[in-house]
Amino acid sequence: MVAKDDNTPEGVYRRFMIANLSGDEATIRPLIVNNEDGDVLWQGVYPVDVAAALAQQYRGMEISRIESSDADRVVLQSPALPIPLAVVNLEGTWRIDAGPIIDFRKVPTAADSMTSKTRRYPNT
């Protein structure tokens, strides 16, 4: 288990993944690199029981360094995400570059398209 004050890339990654389950802005914001669209990270939440089960798994999951060519940037991979995430050291604090997750969440789905079509053309 990672201590709350564990400021390693892996510790920050793990805390971010767990915080992301509940969409807690106050916990997520200090863990990420500033991103103008970061608010999408705290707009959705998992059901409480699902979040608790996933958090339990995340606490024990293996996190692998797949790249660390720079002392202030590492790329981490875990079973929690299908894509690797960069963790960067900004002024002595490791932060997640959540850009790939933010970009994914911003992509409209087919359901979104149907909803917007229904709203624009209610009589068709």
C-alpha atoms as a PDB file:
ATOM      1  CA  MET A   1       0.000   0.000   0.000  1.00  0.00           C
ATOM      2  CA  VAL A   2       1.264   3.479  -0.849  1.00  0.00           C
ATOM      3  CA  ALA A   3       1.463   6.054   1.910  1.00  0.00           C
ATOM      4  CA  LYS A   4      -0.416   9.274   1.219  1.00  0.00           C
ATOM      5  CA  ASP A   5       2.830  11.252   1.331  1.00  0.00           C
ATOM      6  CA  ASP A   6       4.617   8.931  -1.123  1.00  0.00           C
ATOM      7  CA  ASN A   7       5.798  11.447  -3.717  1.00  0.00           C
ATOM      8  CA  THR A   8       7.227   8.859  -6.099  1.00  0.00           C
ATOM      9  CA  PRO A   9       5.803   8.688  -9.623  1.00  0.00           C
ATOM     10  CA  GLU A  10       4.180   5.362  -8.744  1.00  0.00           C
ATOM     11  CA  GLY A  11       2.661   6.747  -5.536  1.00  0.00           C
ATOM     12  CA  VAL A  12       1.165   9.729  -7.358  1.00  0.00           C
ATOM     13  CA  TYR A  13      -0.107   7.462 -10.152  1.00  0.00           C
ATOM     14  CA  ARG A  14      -1.784   5.138  -7.646  1.00  0.00           C
ATOM     15  CA  ARG A  15      -3.402   8.019  -5.710  1.00  0.00           C
ATOM     16  CA  PHE A  16      -4.629   9.535  -8.973  1.00  0.00           C
ATOM     17  CA  MET A  17      -6.173   6.268 -10.143  1.00  0.00           C
ATOM     18  CA  ILE A  18      -7.987   5.820  -6.822  1.00  0.00           C
ATOM     19  CA  ALA A  19      -9.153   9.460  -6.665  1.00  0.00           C
ATOM     20  CA  ASN A  20     -10.360   9.232 -10.248  1.00  0.00           C
ATOM     21  CA  LEU A  21     -12.891   6.579  -9.191  1.00  0.00           C
ATOM     22  CA  SER A  22     -14.826   9.074  -7.074  1.00  0.00           C
ATOM     23  CA  GLY A  23     -14.256  12.170  -9.205  1.00  0.00           C
ATOM     24  CA  ASP A  24     -13.007  14.122  -6.166  1.00  0.00           C
ATOM     25  CA  GLU A  25     -11.714  17.427  -7.590  1.00  0.00           C
ATOM     26  CA  ALA A  26      -9.945  18.438  -4.371  1.00  0.00           C
ATOM     27  CA  THR A  27      -7.917  15.223  -4.458  1.00  0.00           C
ATOM     28  CA  ILE A  28      -7.387  14.977  -8.225  1.00  0.00           C
ATOM     29  CA  ARG A  29      -6.412  18.578  -9.025  1.00  0.00           C
ATOM     30  CA  PRO A  30      -3.104  18.633  -7.071  1.00  0.00           C
ATOM     31  CA  LEU A  31      -2.106  15.291  -8.623  1.00  0.00           C
ATOM     32  CA  ILE A  32      -2.301  16.408 -12.265  1.00  0.00           C
ATOM     33  CA  VAL A  33      -0.484  18.749 -14.602  1.00  0.00           C
ATOM     34  CA  ASN A  34      -2.716  21.769 -15.218  1.00  0.00           C
ATOM     35  CA  ASN A  35      -5.043  21.170 -18.144  1.00  0.00           C
ATOM     36  CA  GLU A  36      -7.774  23.559 -19.264  1.00  0.00           C
ATOM     37  CA  ASP A  37     -10.135  20.610 -19.736  1.00  0.00           C
ATOM     38  CA  GLY A  38      -9.226  18.908 -16.453  1.00  0.00           C
ATOM     39  CA  ASP A  39     -12.758  19.348 -15.157  1.00  0.00           C
ATOM     40  CA  VAL A  40     -13.857  16.273 -17.129  1.00  0.00           C
ATOM     41  CA  LEU A  41     -11.941  14.212 -14.563  1.00  0.00           C
ATOM     42  CA  TRP A  42     -14.341  15.087 -11.769  1.00  0.00           C
ATOM     43  CA  GLN A  43     -17.579  15.024 -13.753  1.00  0.00           C
ATOM     44  CA  GLY A  44     -18.183  11.289 -13.577  1.00  0.00           C
ATOM     45  CA  VAL A  45     -18.044   8.847 -10.703  1.00  0.00           C
ATOM     46  CA  TYR A  46     -18.301   5.118 -10.241  1.00  0.00           C
ATOM     47  CA  PRO A  47     -21.006   3.647  -8.012  1.00  0.00           C
ATOM     48  CA  VAL A  48     -19.690   3.519  -4.434  1.00  0.00           C
ATOM     49  CA  ASP A  49     -19.442  -0.270  -4.261  1.00  0.00           C
ATOM     50  CA  VAL A  50     -17.673  -0.495  -7.626  1.00  0.00           C
ATOM     51  CA  ALA A  51     -15.262   2.315  -6.665  1.00  0.00           C
ATOM     52  CA  ALA A  52     -14.435   0.545  -3.393  1.00  0.00           C
ATOM     53  CA  ALA A  53     -13.726  -2.759  -5.158  1.00  0.00           C
ATOM     54  CA  LEU A  54     -11.565  -1.090  -7.807  1.00  0.00           C
ATOM     55  CA  ALA A  55      -9.710   0.972  -5.188  1.00  0.00           C
ATOM     56  CA  GLN A  56      -8.877  -2.257  -3.348  1.00  0.00           C
ATOM     57  CA  GLN A  57      -7.417  -3.672  -6.575  1.00  0.00           C
ATOM     58  CA  TYR A  58      -5.538  -0.457  -7.376  1.00  0.00           C
ATOM     59  CA  ARG A  59      -3.866  -0.426  -3.960  1.00  0.00           C
ATOM     60  CA  GLY A  60      -2.182  -3.734  -4.776  1.00  0.00           C
ATOM     61  CA  MET A  61      -1.703  -3.451  -8.526  1.00  0.00           C
ATOM     62  CA  GLU A  62       1.690  -3.579 -10.147  1.00  0.00           C
ATOM     63  CA  ILE A  63       2.790  -0.331 -11.796  1.00  0.00           C
ATOM     64  CA  SER A  64       5.547  -0.654 -14.381  1.00  0.00           C
ATOM     65  CA  ARG A  65       7.960   1.985 -15.622  1.00  0.00           C
ATOM     66  CA  ILE A  66       8.023   1.658 -19.380  1.00  0.00           C
ATOM     67  CA  GLU A  67      10.108   4.753 -19.987  1.00  0.00           C
ATOM     68  CA  SER A  68      12.286   6.940 -17.814  1.00  0.00           C
ATOM     69  CA  SER A  69      14.913   8.523 -20.049  1.00  0.00           C
ATOM     70  CA  ASP A  70      14.601  11.859 -18.249  1.00  0.00           C
ATOM     71  CA  ALA A  71      15.033  12.373 -14.498  1.00  0.00           C
ATOM     72  CA  ASP A  72      11.896  14.550 -14.433  1.00  0.00           C
ATOM     73  CA  ARG A  73       9.603  12.372 -16.564  1.00  0.00           C
ATOM     74  CA  VAL A  74       8.593   8.724 -16.365  1.00  0.00           C
ATOM     75  CA  VAL A  75       5.939   6.798 -18.245  1.00  0.00           C
ATOM     76  CA  LEU A  76       3.947   4.296 -16.220  1.00  0.00           C
ATOM     77  CA  GLN A  77       1.651   1.437 -17.184  1.00  0.00           C
ATOM     78  CA  SER A  78      -0.752  -0.579 -15.056  1.00  0.00           C
ATOM     79  CA  PRO A  79      -3.671  -2.963 -15.476  1.00  0.00           C
ATOM     80  CA  ALA A  80      -5.994  -0.064 -14.534  1.00  0.00           C
ATOM     81  CA  LEU A  81      -5.595   1.676 -17.913  1.00  0.00           C
ATOM     82  CA  PRO A  82      -5.063   0.443 -21.465  1.00  0.00           C
ATOM     83  CA  ILE A  83      -2.734   3.390 -22.146  1.00  0.00           C
ATOM     84  CA  PRO A  84       0.467   4.477 -20.412  1.00  0.00           C
ATOM     85  CA  LEU A  85       0.566   7.800 -18.578  1.00  0.00           C
ATOM     86  CA  ALA A  86       3.471  10.195 -18.154  1.00  0.00           C
ATOM     87  CA  VAL A  87       4.290  11.469 -14.689  1.00  0.00           C
ATOM     88  CA  VAL A  88       6.380  14.635 -14.618  1.00  0.00           C
ATOM     89  CA  ASN A  89       8.321  16.343 -11.864  1.00  0.00           C
ATOM     90  CA  LEU A  90       7.270  19.976 -11.595  1.00  0.00           C
ATOM     91  CA  GLU A  91       9.234  21.945  -9.023  1.00  0.00           C
ATOM     92  CA  GLY A  92       9.874  18.869  -6.892  1.00  0.00           C
ATOM     93  CA  THR A  93       6.348  17.439  -7.074  1.00  0.00           C
ATOM     94  CA  TRP A  94       5.388  14.527  -9.290  1.00  0.00           C
ATOM     95  CA  ARG A  95       2.171  15.079 -11.279  1.00  0.00           C
ATOM     96  CA  ILE A  96       0.199  12.971 -13.725  1.00  0.00           C
ATOM     97  CA  ASP A  97      -0.168  14.202 -17.285  1.00  0.00           C
ATOM     98  CA  ALA A  98      -3.837  13.228 -17.530  1.00  0.00           C
ATOM     99  CA  GLY A  99      -4.110  14.588 -21.084  1.00  0.00           C
ATOM    100  CA  PRO A 100      -4.756  11.169 -22.689  1.00  0.00           C
ATOM    101  CA  ILE A 101      -7.603  10.430 -20.243  1.00  0.00           C
ATOM    102  CA  ILE A 102      -9.040  13.922 -20.678  1.00  0.00           C
ATOM    103  CA  ASP A 103      -8.893  13.633 -24.479  1.00  0.00           C
ATOM    104  CA  PHE A 104     -10.619  10.245 -24.356  1.00  0.00           C
ATOM    105  CA  ARG A 105     -13.406  11.539 -22.147  1.00  0.00           C
ATOM    106  CA  LYS A 106     -13.990  14.506 -24.443  1.00  0.00           C
ATOM    107  CA  VAL A 107     -14.594  12.332 -27.533  1.00  0.00           C
ATOM    108  CA  PRO A 108     -18.321  12.177 -28.288  1.00  0.00           C
ATOM    109  CA  THR A 109     -19.847   8.714 -28.283  1.00  0.00           C
ATOM    110  CA  ALA A 110     -22.521   7.347 -30.612  1.00  0.00           C
ATOM    111  CA  ALA A 111     -25.031   7.822 -27.778  1.00  0.00           C
ATOM    112  CA  ASP A 112     -24.021  11.499 -27.538  1.00  0.00           C
ATOM    113  CA  SER A 113     -24.608  11.883 -31.272  1.00  0.00           C
ATOM    114  CA  MET A 114     -28.062  10.377 -31.029  1.00  0.00           C
ATOM    115  CA  THR A 115     -28.920  12.634 -28.102  1.00  0.00           C
ATOM    116  CA  SER A 116     -27.800  15.776 -29.918  1.00  0.00           C
ATOM    117  CA  LYS A 117     -29.669  14.743 -33.092  1.00  0.00           C
ATOM    118  CA  THR A 118     -32.790  14.176 -31.041  1.00  0.00           C
ATOM    119  CA  ARG A 119     -32.480  17.594 -29.483  1.00  0.00           C
ATOM    120  CA  ARG A 120     -31.896  19.356 -32.808  1.00  0.00           C
ATOM    121  CA  TYR A 121     -34.544  17.495 -34.769  1.00  0.00           C
ATOM    122  CA  PRO A 122     -37.275  16.453 -32.354  1.00  0.00           C
ATOM    123  CA  ASN A 123     -39.874  15.964 -35.113  1.00  0.00           C
ATOM    124  CA  THR A 124     -37.836  13.589 -37.276  1.00  0.00           C
END
